[in-house]
Amino acid sequence: MSSLPQPAPGILAINAGSSSIKLALFEAKPPLRRLMEGQVERIGLPGTRLSMTDVMSSRTEQVAVQGADHAACVGPLMDLIEQRVGAAALVAVGHRIVHGGMKYSQPEPVTPAVMAELRRISPYDPEHLPAEIGLMEVFSRRYPRVPQIACFDTTFHRDMPRVARLLAIPRKYDKAGIQRYGFHGLSYAFLMKELARIGKQGEAEGRIILAHLGNGASLTAVLGGKSIETTMGFTPASGLPMSRRSGDLDPGLISYLTRTEGLTVEQFHKMVNSESGLLGLSESSADIRDLLALEEHDPRAAEAVALFCYQAKKAIGALAAALGGVDTLVFSAGIGEHSSVVRARICEGLEFLGITIDSTRNEANDTVISTEDSQVTVRVIHTDEEREMAQSVLSVLAKTNEER
């Protein structure tokens, strides 16, 4: 009697958002073959759902879950994975940690000391860090012998020039870690590897602007393969207006609203992180696809889209100044990869920088959407934060094995 094939050892990548979890299971060896992927949506809201796809068979399963918080979703999520591959197949878990603070500049094995430091800096990012810490605690209890690796979204920007990291507030706050960090680093690290793989010779070493435009949105200037400037700062609420986040605001607005409307710190935080951006301006939707469909008849939707594109265009000009010009512009993430209208509006008027879009290529979502004679190569590249995490986990495991 023949025995059943043993499941391939797997690395699970967990990518937690403020109300969602994206995940992917990879075979734990190069080239990191994707085995499963899924997501939990509407965590903490009515109608929380878990969907899981077996990549090899393309079979998708969806189940309703009781997801009061991120930690409550781990049980149903892992039950579904274990049904397919078994608990013994899991060799490591990588977690996207949005904020690494001053201390962490590389992926780190999750230890009590790491957990203590993340709890200490939780006020840096109360939208993400508490949920991410909770997820690591639950995974540690369920799989006490499985290594967990923290993969920080701030790592990519850690070598930004000092002048790009400083905030013009009393210096004592800089010593306490209050400075510009930048985010979406896992996405940017992946995009740079992809650019090195598919781009022209030497392109990845040139003057590059990366545009990660999704529910969260930021742009980054890269020179010689390293981040030199980015639009987000101390928290992911800064920079461009986003789906629900305000982006940059006049700091005087805080004291004004406190005095005139009695806004508390908690109310202001909720406003700029959950009630602003596209949703706040349009008063109808945080989804740019909805707003594009509405804009012809709804001036609020039209203004929300116009502001998003205008601020992204302005950021490209600022980053080009930091770089001393631009050779490559890359669009990525949900909006950047799929909205030809938004890409066209952002690039309109940037011919003075050498950016010229081919409308046919753009509407077809080609990988290169610039004209043949454009001085700047404009690309659309699919990002994969989960794969970048899995690669980081592999590297940490290899280093740990070497040190034994």
Protein backbone atom coordinates (compact mmCIF):
# COMPACT_ATOMS: atom_id res chain seq x y z
CA MET A 1 0.00 0.00 0.00
CA SER A 2 1.54 3.32 -1.10
CA SER A 3 1.85 6.14 1.40
CA LEU A 4 0.39 9.56 0.79
CA PRO A 5 2.86 12.24 -0.38
CA GLN A 6 4.13 14.42 2.44
CA PRO A 7 3.11 18.09 2.19
CA ALA A 8 5.92 20.45 1.22
CA PRO A 9 7.42 22.43 4.12
CA GLY A 10 5.84 25.88 4.02
CA ILE A 11 6.49 29.49 5.01
CA LEU A 12 3.37 31.44 5.87
CA ALA A 13 3.43 35.20 5.19
CA ILE A 14 0.92 37.24 7.20
CA ASN A 15 0.14 40.78 6.01
CA ALA A 16 -2.19 42.49 8.48
CA GLY A 17 -4.00 45.72 7.61
CA SER A 18 -6.17 47.82 9.89
CA SER A 19 -9.28 45.72 9.11
CA SER A 20 -7.92 42.85 7.02
CA ILE A 21 -5.37 40.06 6.84
CA LYS A 22 -3.75 38.97 3.58
CA LEU A 23 -1.74 35.76 3.61
CA ALA A 24 0.20 33.43 1.39
CA LEU A 25 1.81 30.03 1.95
CA PHE A 26 5.04 29.37 0.06
CA GLU A 27 7.14 26.25 -0.37
CA ALA A 28 10.08 26.78 1.98
CA LYS A 29 12.83 26.71 -0.64
CA PRO A 30 13.77 28.74 -3.72
CA PRO A 31 12.06 29.80 -5.93
CA LEU A 32 9.36 30.11 -3.25
CA ARG A 33 6.52 28.42 -5.11
CA ARG A 34 3.16 29.80 -3.96
CA LEU A 35 0.95 27.05 -2.56
CA MET A 36 -2.02 28.92 -1.10
CA GLU A 37 -3.21 32.49 -0.72
CA GLY A 38 -6.14 34.13 0.98
CA GLN A 39 -7.53 37.04 2.90
CA VAL A 40 -9.81 37.92 5.76
CA GLU A 41 -11.84 41.08 5.15
CA ARG A 42 -14.01 43.35 7.29
CA ILE A 43 -12.39 42.37 10.59
CA GLY A 44 -14.34 43.91 13.44
CA LEU A 45 -17.25 44.72 11.11
CA PRO A 46 -20.41 42.81 10.16
CA GLY A 47 -19.87 40.21 7.43
CA THR A 48 -16.29 39.16 8.18
CA ARG A 49 -15.27 36.63 5.52
CA LEU A 50 -12.29 34.35 4.96
CA SER A 51 -11.40 33.29 1.44
CA MET A 52 -8.63 30.81 0.65
CA THR A 53 -7.33 29.67 -2.75
CA ASP A 54 -5.27 26.56 -3.47
CA VAL A 55 -2.96 28.03 -6.12
CA MET A 56 -2.15 24.67 -7.72
CA SER A 57 -5.79 23.64 -8.24
CA SER A 58 -7.27 27.18 -8.39
CA ARG A 59 -9.93 25.97 -5.95
CA THR A 60 -11.27 28.75 -3.72
CA GLU A 61 -13.17 28.32 -0.49
CA GLN A 62 -15.04 31.08 1.34
CA VAL A 63 -16.37 30.96 4.89
CA ALA A 64 -17.96 33.45 7.25
CA VAL A 65 -15.99 33.93 10.47
CA GLN A 66 -16.60 35.59 13.80
CA GLY A 67 -13.81 38.13 13.56
CA ALA A 68 -14.13 40.64 16.39
CA ASP A 69 -10.40 41.33 16.02
CA HIS A 70 -7.38 40.06 14.09
CA ALA A 71 -6.43 37.46 16.70
CA ALA A 72 -9.89 35.89 16.56
CA CYS A 73 -9.40 35.14 12.86
CA VAL A 74 -6.26 33.03 13.31
CA GLY A 75 -8.10 29.85 14.37
CA PRO A 76 -10.43 29.60 11.33
CA LEU A 77 -7.61 30.71 9.04
CA MET A 78 -5.15 28.08 10.22
CA ASP A 79 -7.82 25.36 10.42
CA LEU A 80 -8.37 25.87 6.70
CA ILE A 81 -4.65 25.78 5.90
CA GLU A 82 -4.06 22.69 8.04
CA GLN A 83 -6.86 20.85 6.24
CA ARG A 84 -4.85 21.27 3.05
CA VAL A 85 -1.23 20.91 4.12
CA GLY A 86 -1.20 19.72 7.74
CA ALA A 87 0.17 21.50 10.82
CA ALA A 88 3.56 19.76 10.61
CA ALA A 89 4.29 21.35 7.22
CA LEU A 90 4.58 24.86 8.66
CA VAL A 91 8.26 25.70 9.23
CA ALA A 92 8.08 29.47 9.82
CA VAL A 93 5.72 32.45 9.88
CA GLY A 94 6.64 35.88 8.59
CA HIS A 95 4.69 38.90 9.84
CA ARG A 96 4.51 42.31 8.18
CA ILE A 97 5.18 44.79 10.97
CA VAL A 98 4.37 48.30 9.79
CA HIS A 99 6.59 50.22 12.22
CA GLY A 100 10.04 49.16 13.39
CA GLY A 101 10.90 52.36 15.23
CA MET A 102 14.54 53.31 15.68
CA LYS A 103 15.72 49.88 16.80
CA TYR A 104 14.91 47.53 13.94
CA SER A 105 16.48 47.90 10.53
CA GLN A 106 16.39 44.24 9.41
CA PRO A 107 13.95 41.31 9.70
CA GLU A 108 14.15 39.88 13.22
CA PRO A 109 13.22 36.57 14.85
CA VAL A 110 10.35 37.27 17.22
CA THR A 111 11.65 37.05 20.79
CA PRO A 112 10.29 38.34 24.12
CA ALA A 113 12.65 41.33 23.76
CA VAL A 114 11.31 42.14 20.28
CA MET A 115 7.73 41.86 21.52
CA ALA A 116 8.49 44.15 24.47
CA GLU A 117 9.99 46.80 22.18
CA LEU A 118 7.03 46.64 19.80
CA ARG A 119 4.63 47.07 22.70
CA ARG A 120 6.67 50.08 23.84
CA ILE A 121 6.42 51.78 20.44
CA SER A 122 2.77 50.83 19.84
CA PRO A 123 1.74 54.50 20.22
CA TYR A 124 3.82 55.19 17.08
CA ASP A 125 1.22 53.31 15.05
CA PRO A 126 -1.92 52.42 17.01
CA GLU A 127 -3.72 51.57 13.76
CA HIS A 128 -1.48 48.56 13.08
CA LEU A 129 0.99 47.58 15.81
CA PRO A 130 -1.46 46.34 18.48
CA ALA A 131 -3.20 44.03 15.98
CA GLU A 132 0.15 42.77 14.64
CA ILE A 133 1.40 42.07 18.17
CA GLY A 134 -1.83 40.21 18.92
CA LEU A 135 -1.39 38.04 15.83
CA MET A 136 2.17 37.10 16.80
CA GLU A 137 1.01 36.18 20.31
CA VAL A 138 -1.75 33.92 18.97
CA PHE A 139 0.57 32.20 16.47
CA SER A 140 3.15 31.68 19.23
CA ARG A 141 0.58 29.93 21.40
CA ARG A 142 -0.73 27.76 18.57
CA TYR A 143 2.71 26.90 17.13
CA PRO A 144 5.20 27.29 20.01
CA ARG A 145 8.00 25.52 18.12
CA VAL A 146 7.56 27.35 14.80
CA PRO A 147 9.89 30.35 14.32
CA GLN A 148 8.20 33.68 13.72
CA ILE A 149 9.99 36.47 11.86
CA ALA A 150 9.08 40.17 12.06
CA CYS A 151 9.49 41.88 8.67
CA PHE A 152 9.44 45.66 9.03
CA ASP A 153 7.88 48.04 6.53
CA THR A 154 10.28 50.77 7.64
CA THR A 155 13.45 48.81 6.80
CA PHE A 156 13.69 49.95 3.17
CA HIS A 157 13.96 53.60 4.24
CA ARG A 158 16.39 53.21 7.16
CA ASP A 159 19.33 54.59 5.17
CA MET A 160 17.56 57.76 4.03
CA PRO A 161 19.78 60.82 4.41
CA ARG A 162 19.61 62.45 7.83
CA VAL A 163 18.06 65.60 6.36
CA ALA A 164 15.21 63.52 4.91
CA ARG A 165 14.49 61.93 8.30
CA LEU A 166 14.52 65.03 10.49
CA LEU A 167 11.37 66.79 11.67
CA ALA A 168 11.65 70.51 12.44
CA ILE A 169 10.52 70.20 16.06
CA PRO A 170 12.63 70.40 19.26
CA ARG A 171 15.63 68.11 19.00
CA LYS A 172 14.75 66.17 22.15
CA TYR A 173 11.94 64.48 20.19
CA ASP A 174 14.34 63.27 17.52
CA LYS A 175 16.39 61.57 20.24
CA ALA A 176 13.17 59.91 21.41
CA GLY A 177 12.61 58.40 17.96
CA ILE A 178 10.17 60.92 16.53
CA GLN A 179 11.39 61.32 12.97
CA ARG A 180 10.39 60.44 9.41
CA TYR A 181 10.48 56.67 8.84
CA GLY A 182 8.59 55.94 5.61
CA PHE A 183 6.49 52.85 4.94
CA HIS A 184 5.46 50.35 2.23
CA GLY A 185 9.05 49.15 2.45
CA LEU A 186 8.28 45.49 1.74
CA SER A 187 6.52 46.53 -1.47
CA TYR A 188 9.39 48.81 -2.48
CA ALA A 189 12.02 46.15 -1.78
CA PHE A 190 10.13 43.69 -3.99
CA LEU A 191 9.66 46.27 -6.77
CA MET A 192 13.37 47.03 -6.85
CA LYS A 193 14.20 43.33 -7.21
CA GLU A 194 11.65 43.04 -10.02
CA LEU A 195 13.07 46.10 -11.74
CA ALA A 196 16.56 44.61 -11.56
CA ARG A 197 15.16 41.39 -13.07
CA ILE A 198 13.07 42.83 -15.92
CA GLY A 199 14.55 46.27 -16.51
CA LYS A 200 17.24 47.47 -18.85
CA GLN A 201 20.83 46.98 -17.83
CA GLY A 202 21.67 49.36 -15.00
CA GLU A 203 18.10 50.69 -14.76
CA ALA A 204 17.67 49.62 -11.14
CA GLU A 205 20.73 51.73 -10.21
CA GLY A 206 19.32 54.90 -11.77
CA ARG A 207 16.98 57.66 -10.59
CA ILE A 208 13.73 55.89 -9.79
CA ILE A 209 10.36 56.96 -8.42
CA LEU A 210 8.21 54.14 -7.06
CA ALA A 211 4.47 54.82 -6.65
CA HIS A 212 2.67 52.38 -4.35
CA LEU A 213 -0.93 53.52 -4.87
CA GLY A 214 -3.53 51.45 -3.05
CA ASN A 215 -5.80 51.97 -0.05
CA GLY A 216 -2.62 53.25 1.53
CA ALA A 217 -0.55 55.32 -0.89
CA SER A 218 2.99 56.62 -0.94
CA LEU A 219 5.82 57.43 -3.35
CA THR A 220 9.53 56.92 -2.85
CA ALA A 221 12.66 58.22 -4.56
CA VAL A 222 15.39 55.60 -5.03
CA LEU A 223 18.95 56.31 -6.12
CA GLY A 224 21.62 53.64 -6.48
CA GLY A 225 19.10 51.11 -5.17
CA LYS A 226 18.49 52.98 -1.90
CA SER A 227 15.61 55.10 -0.66
CA ILE A 228 16.59 58.77 -0.39
CA GLU A 229 13.14 60.32 0.16
CA THR A 230 9.54 59.23 0.62
CA THR A 231 6.15 60.85 1.09
CA MET A 232 5.13 59.16 4.36
CA GLY A 233 6.72 60.28 7.59
CA PHE A 234 6.39 59.35 11.26
CA THR A 235 3.13 57.46 10.66
CA PRO A 236 1.38 55.94 7.63
CA ALA A 237 -1.32 58.63 7.89
CA SER A 238 1.03 61.20 6.35
CA GLY A 239 1.88 62.09 2.77
CA LEU A 240 -0.71 61.68 0.02
CA PRO A 241 -4.45 61.63 0.69
CA MET A 242 -5.51 57.97 0.63
CA SER A 243 -8.70 55.93 0.70
CA ARG A 244 -9.55 56.91 4.29
CA ARG A 245 -6.42 58.70 5.53
CA SER A 246 -6.00 62.44 5.26
CA GLY A 247 -2.35 62.61 4.27
CA ASP A 248 -0.40 65.72 5.25
CA LEU A 249 -2.27 68.42 7.18
CA ASP A 250 -1.41 71.80 8.67
CA PRO A 251 -0.51 70.95 12.31
CA GLY A 252 -2.43 74.04 13.39
CA LEU A 253 -5.61 72.19 12.45
CA ILE A 254 -5.32 70.04 15.59
CA SER A 255 -5.44 72.97 18.00
CA TYR A 256 -8.10 74.74 15.93
CA LEU A 257 -10.51 71.78 15.95
CA THR A 258 -9.78 71.14 19.63
CA ARG A 259 -10.70 74.71 20.52
CA THR A 260 -13.66 75.21 18.19
CA GLU A 261 -15.27 71.74 18.09
CA GLY A 262 -13.92 70.12 21.23
CA LEU A 263 -12.30 67.26 19.30
CA THR A 264 -10.40 64.85 21.53
CA VAL A 265 -7.11 63.21 20.56
CA GLU A 266 -8.96 59.95 19.90
CA GLN A 267 -11.57 61.67 17.72
CA PHE A 268 -8.90 63.47 15.71
CA HIS A 269 -6.97 60.22 15.26
CA LYS A 270 -10.10 58.44 14.04
CA MET A 271 -10.91 61.29 11.67
CA VAL A 272 -7.52 61.40 9.93
CA ASN A 273 -7.12 57.62 9.75
CA SER A 274 -10.64 56.38 9.01
CA GLU A 275 -12.93 59.21 7.94
CA SER A 276 -10.81 61.35 5.63
CA GLY A 277 -9.08 60.93 2.25
CA LEU A 278 -11.27 59.85 -0.65
CA LEU A 279 -14.09 58.90 1.71
CA GLY A 280 -14.10 62.19 3.57
CA LEU A 281 -13.95 64.33 0.45
CA SER A 282 -16.49 62.38 -1.58
CA GLU A 283 -18.85 61.60 1.31
CA SER A 284 -19.73 58.41 -0.60
CA SER A 285 -16.87 55.92 -1.03
CA ALA A 286 -13.24 55.17 -0.16
CA ASP A 287 -12.88 53.15 -3.39
CA ILE A 288 -11.51 55.13 -6.32
CA ARG A 289 -13.34 52.83 -8.76
CA ASP A 290 -16.66 53.97 -7.29
CA LEU A 291 -15.60 57.61 -7.48
CA LEU A 292 -14.52 57.36 -11.11
CA ALA A 293 -17.95 55.93 -11.92
CA LEU A 294 -19.64 58.77 -10.04
CA GLU A 295 -17.48 61.74 -10.98
CA GLU A 296 -19.41 62.83 -14.07
CA HIS A 297 -22.52 63.51 -11.99
CA ASP A 298 -21.08 64.05 -8.49
CA PRO A 299 -18.69 67.00 -8.03
CA ARG A 300 -17.61 65.67 -4.62
CA ALA A 301 -16.41 62.41 -6.20
CA ALA A 302 -14.72 64.36 -9.00
CA GLU A 303 -12.87 66.57 -6.51
CA ALA A 304 -11.70 63.58 -4.47
CA VAL A 305 -10.18 61.92 -7.55
CA ALA A 306 -8.70 65.21 -8.76
CA LEU A 307 -7.02 65.86 -5.40
CA PHE A 308 -5.56 62.35 -5.25
CA CYS A 309 -4.05 62.68 -8.75
CA TYR A 310 -2.87 66.25 -8.13
CA GLN A 311 -1.06 65.36 -4.92
CA ALA A 312 0.58 62.33 -6.54
CA LYS A 313 1.71 64.49 -9.48
CA LYS A 314 3.09 67.10 -7.08
CA ALA A 315 4.95 64.39 -5.16
CA ILE A 316 6.57 63.13 -8.37
CA GLY A 317 7.88 66.65 -9.02
CA ALA A 318 9.27 66.92 -5.49
CA LEU A 319 10.93 63.51 -5.62
CA ALA A 320 12.41 64.29 -9.04
CA ALA A 321 13.97 67.39 -7.46
CA ALA A 322 15.46 65.25 -4.68
CA LEU A 323 16.85 62.85 -7.28
CA GLY A 324 18.10 65.53 -9.69
CA GLY A 325 15.85 64.13 -12.43
CA VAL A 326 14.14 60.82 -13.07
CA ASP A 327 14.92 57.83 -15.30
CA THR A 328 12.16 55.39 -14.31
CA LEU A 329 8.67 55.80 -12.84
CA VAL A 330 6.96 52.66 -11.52
CA PHE A 331 3.24 52.37 -10.72
CA SER A 332 2.18 49.57 -8.39
CA ALA A 333 -0.46 48.33 -5.88
CA GLY A 334 -4.22 48.24 -6.44
CA ILE A 335 -4.76 51.67 -8.00
CA GLY A 336 -1.34 51.95 -9.59
CA GLU A 337 -1.59 48.56 -11.27
CA HIS A 338 -5.21 48.69 -12.41
CA SER A 339 -6.38 52.27 -12.97
CA SER A 340 -5.22 53.56 -16.34
CA VAL A 341 -7.32 56.70 -15.80
CA VAL A 342 -5.50 57.61 -12.59
CA ARG A 343 -2.08 56.88 -14.10
CA ALA A 344 -2.87 59.09 -17.11
CA ARG A 345 -4.09 61.97 -14.95
CA ILE A 346 -1.05 61.79 -12.68
CA CYS A 347 1.34 61.85 -15.64
CA GLU A 348 -0.50 64.54 -17.59
CA GLY A 349 1.62 67.70 -17.62
CA LEU A 350 4.82 65.96 -16.56
CA GLU A 351 6.36 66.12 -20.02
CA PHE A 352 8.82 68.72 -18.67
CA LEU A 353 10.32 65.89 -16.61
CA GLY A 354 10.55 63.67 -19.68
CA ILE A 355 7.44 61.63 -18.83
CA THR A 356 5.24 60.85 -21.83
CA ILE A 357 2.51 58.19 -21.69
CA ASP A 358 1.33 56.05 -24.62
CA SER A 359 -2.45 56.03 -24.17
CA THR A 360 -2.92 52.67 -25.93
CA ARG A 361 -0.30 50.94 -23.80
CA ASN A 362 -1.65 52.58 -20.67
CA GLU A 363 -5.25 51.52 -21.29
CA ALA A 364 -4.05 47.97 -21.99
CA ASN A 365 -2.16 47.93 -18.64
CA ASP A 366 1.06 47.04 -20.44
CA THR A 367 4.19 46.55 -18.38
CA VAL A 368 5.73 49.62 -20.05
CA ILE A 369 3.26 52.44 -20.69
CA SER A 370 5.58 55.22 -21.82
CA THR A 371 6.07 56.18 -25.47
CA GLU A 372 9.09 54.96 -27.41
CA ASP A 373 10.63 58.44 -27.33
CA SER A 374 9.84 59.17 -23.67
CA GLN A 375 12.97 60.16 -21.77
CA VAL A 376 11.55 58.42 -18.70
CA THR A 377 10.56 54.74 -18.74
CA VAL A 378 7.15 54.42 -17.09
CA ARG A 379 6.37 50.91 -15.87
CA VAL A 380 3.51 49.04 -14.24
CA ILE A 381 4.81 46.29 -11.93
CA HIS A 382 2.70 43.98 -9.78
CA THR A 383 3.92 44.11 -6.20
CA ASP A 384 4.08 41.10 -3.88
CA GLU A 385 4.69 41.96 -0.24
CA GLU A 386 3.98 38.38 0.85
CA ARG A 387 6.74 37.00 -1.39
CA GLU A 388 9.15 39.62 -0.08
CA MET A 389 8.31 38.52 3.46
CA ALA A 390 8.82 34.85 2.60
CA GLN A 391 12.21 35.69 1.07
CA SER A 392 13.17 37.57 4.24
CA VAL A 393 12.12 34.57 6.35
CA LEU A 394 14.25 32.23 4.22
CA SER A 395 17.25 34.53 4.68
CA VAL A 396 16.80 34.74 8.46
CA LEU A 397 16.40 30.95 8.75
CA ALA A 398 19.55 30.39 6.67
CA LYS A 399 21.52 32.84 8.82
CA THR A 400 20.24 31.22 12.02
CA ASN A 401 21.28 27.77 10.78
CA GLU A 402 24.76 29.07 9.90
CA GLU A 403 25.22 30.48 13.40
CA ARG A 404 24.36 27.17 15.10
